[in-house]
Amino acid sequence: MEEKQEKEIWLNVLLVVMVLGCLSLAIGHMMDWSMHLGERLFAFVGRVLERIAI
């Protein structure tokens, strides 16, 4: 009984590690993409604000 529980715990730990690994990869890609998007958005907002200010 104890051995079975230990195995289940290790399987859960492995699963969590795998999920976190996948998530961090996905978030890494999203961060690159959102940084690119953010730069474009910033440039756009900057131009709009310049027009308003002038």
N, C-alpha and C. Protein backbone atom coordinates (compact mmCIF):
# COMPACT_ATOMS: atom_id res chain seq x y z
N MET A 1 0.85 -1.21 0.00
CA MET A 1 0.00 0.00 0.00
C MET A 1 0.88 1.26 0.00
N GLU A 2 1.88 1.27 0.88
CA GLU A 2 2.78 2.42 0.97
C GLU A 2 3.52 2.65 -0.35
N GLU A 3 4.02 1.56 -0.95
CA GLU A 3 4.77 1.67 -2.20
C GLU A 3 3.91 2.26 -3.30
N LYS A 4 2.67 1.82 -3.36
CA LYS A 4 1.75 2.30 -4.40
C LYS A 4 1.54 3.82 -4.25
N GLN A 5 1.37 4.27 -3.01
CA GLN A 5 1.18 5.71 -2.76
C GLN A 5 2.42 6.49 -3.18
N GLU A 6 3.60 5.96 -2.86
CA GLU A 6 4.84 6.63 -3.23
C GLU A 6 4.94 6.77 -4.75
N LYS A 7 4.58 5.69 -5.45
CA LYS A 7 4.63 5.72 -6.91
C LYS A 7 3.69 6.79 -7.45
N GLU A 8 2.49 6.85 -6.87
CA GLU A 8 1.50 7.85 -7.32
C GLU A 8 2.02 9.27 -7.07
N ILE A 9 2.65 9.47 -5.92
CA ILE A 9 3.21 10.79 -5.60
C ILE A 9 4.27 11.17 -6.63
N TRP A 10 5.17 10.20 -6.94
CA TRP A 10 6.23 10.49 -7.92
C TRP A 10 5.65 10.77 -9.29
N LEU A 11 4.59 10.03 -9.67
CA LEU A 11 3.95 10.27 -10.97
C LEU A 11 3.33 11.66 -10.99
N ASN A 12 2.70 12.06 -9.90
CA ASN A 12 2.12 13.40 -9.82
C ASN A 12 3.19 14.47 -9.91
N VAL A 13 4.32 14.25 -9.22
CA VAL A 13 5.43 15.20 -9.27
C VAL A 13 5.95 15.33 -10.70
N LEU A 14 6.15 14.18 -11.37
CA LEU A 14 6.62 14.19 -12.76
C LEU A 14 5.63 14.94 -13.65
N LEU A 15 4.34 14.68 -13.45
CA LEU A 15 3.31 15.33 -14.25
C LEU A 15 3.36 16.84 -14.05
N VAL A 16 3.45 17.27 -12.80
CA VAL A 16 3.51 18.71 -12.49
C VAL A 16 4.73 19.34 -13.14
N VAL A 17 5.89 18.66 -13.04
CA VAL A 17 7.13 19.18 -13.63
C VAL A 17 6.98 19.32 -15.15
N MET A 18 6.38 18.30 -15.78
CA MET A 18 6.17 18.35 -17.23
C MET A 18 5.25 19.49 -17.61
N VAL A 19 4.15 19.63 -16.88
CA VAL A 19 3.18 20.69 -17.16
C VAL A 19 3.83 22.06 -16.99
N LEU A 20 4.59 22.23 -15.90
CA LEU A 20 5.28 23.50 -15.66
C LEU A 20 6.29 23.79 -16.77
N GLY A 21 6.99 22.75 -17.22
CA GLY A 21 7.96 22.91 -18.30
C GLY A 21 7.27 23.39 -19.57
N CYS A 22 6.15 22.74 -19.91
CA CYS A 22 5.39 23.14 -21.11
C CYS A 22 4.87 24.57 -20.96
N LEU A 23 4.35 24.88 -19.78
CA LEU A 23 3.82 26.22 -19.53
C LEU A 23 4.91 27.27 -19.67
N SER A 24 6.08 27.00 -19.10
CA SER A 24 7.16 27.99 -19.16
C SER A 24 7.60 28.19 -20.61
N LEU A 25 7.61 27.12 -21.42
CA LEU A 25 7.94 27.26 -22.84
C LEU A 25 6.89 28.11 -23.53
N ALA A 26 5.62 27.79 -23.27
CA ALA A 26 4.52 28.53 -23.90
C ALA A 26 4.56 30.00 -23.49
N ILE A 27 4.80 30.24 -22.18
CA ILE A 27 4.85 31.61 -21.69
C ILE A 27 6.05 32.34 -22.29
N GLY A 28 7.16 31.61 -22.46
CA GLY A 28 8.34 32.21 -23.09
C GLY A 28 8.02 32.70 -24.48
N HIS A 29 7.34 31.86 -25.26
CA HIS A 29 6.94 32.27 -26.61
C HIS A 29 5.98 33.45 -26.54
N MET A 30 5.03 33.40 -25.63
CA MET A 30 4.05 34.48 -25.48
C MET A 30 4.74 35.78 -25.08
N MET A 31 5.75 35.67 -24.20
CA MET A 31 6.47 36.86 -23.76
C MET A 31 7.17 37.53 -24.95
N ASP A 32 7.86 36.72 -25.76
CA ASP A 32 8.51 37.27 -26.95
C ASP A 32 7.49 37.96 -27.83
N TRP A 33 6.35 37.29 -28.04
CA TRP A 33 5.31 37.81 -28.91
C TRP A 33 4.69 39.07 -28.32
N SER A 34 4.39 39.03 -27.01
CA SER A 34 3.74 40.18 -26.37
C SER A 34 4.70 41.37 -26.26
N MET A 35 6.00 41.09 -26.11
CA MET A 35 6.97 42.19 -26.10
C MET A 35 6.98 42.88 -27.45
N HIS A 36 6.95 42.08 -28.51
CA HIS A 36 6.92 42.62 -29.87
C HIS A 36 5.64 43.45 -30.05
N LEU A 37 4.52 42.88 -29.59
CA LEU A 37 3.24 43.57 -29.70
C LEU A 37 3.25 44.85 -28.86
N GLY A 38 3.84 44.74 -27.66
CA GLY A 38 3.91 45.90 -26.76
C GLY A 38 4.71 47.04 -27.37
N GLU A 39 5.82 46.70 -28.03
CA GLU A 39 6.63 47.73 -28.67
C GLU A 39 5.82 48.46 -29.73
N ARG A 40 5.09 47.71 -30.55
CA ARG A 40 4.29 48.32 -31.60
C ARG A 40 3.19 49.18 -31.01
N LEU A 41 2.57 48.68 -29.92
CA LEU A 41 1.51 49.41 -29.25
C LEU A 41 2.05 50.70 -28.66
N PHE A 42 3.23 50.62 -28.03
CA PHE A 42 3.86 51.79 -27.44
C PHE A 42 4.15 52.84 -28.51
N ALA A 43 4.68 52.39 -29.65
CA ALA A 43 4.99 53.32 -30.74
C ALA A 43 3.71 54.00 -31.21
N PHE A 44 2.64 53.21 -31.34
CA PHE A 44 1.36 53.75 -31.80
C PHE A 44 0.81 54.76 -30.80
N VAL A 45 0.81 54.39 -29.52
CA VAL A 45 0.31 55.29 -28.47
C VAL A 45 1.15 56.56 -28.43
N GLY A 46 2.46 56.41 -28.60
CA GLY A 46 3.36 57.57 -28.60
C GLY A 46 3.00 58.54 -29.72
N ARG A 47 2.74 58.02 -30.91
CA ARG A 47 2.36 58.87 -32.04
C ARG A 47 1.04 59.58 -31.78
N VAL A 48 0.08 58.84 -31.23
CA VAL A 48 -1.23 59.43 -30.93
C VAL A 48 -1.08 60.55 -29.91
N LEU A 49 -0.30 60.30 -28.86
CA LEU A 49 -0.10 61.31 -27.82
C LEU A 49 0.61 62.54 -28.38
N GLU A 50 1.57 62.33 -29.30
CA GLU A 50 2.25 63.46 -29.92
C GLU A 50 1.26 64.34 -30.68
N ARG A 51 0.36 63.67 -31.41
CA ARG A 51 -0.64 64.43 -32.18
C ARG A 51 -1.54 65.23 -31.26
N ILE A 52 -1.94 64.62 -30.14
CA ILE A 52 -2.82 65.31 -29.19
C ILE A 52 -2.08 66.49 -28.58
N ALA A 53 -0.82 66.27 -28.22
CA ALA A 53 -0.03 67.30 -27.55
C ALA A 53 0.20 68.50 -28.46
N ILE A 54 0.38 68.23 -29.75
CA ILE A 54 0.69 69.34 -30.67
C ILE A 54 -0.56 70.15 -30.97
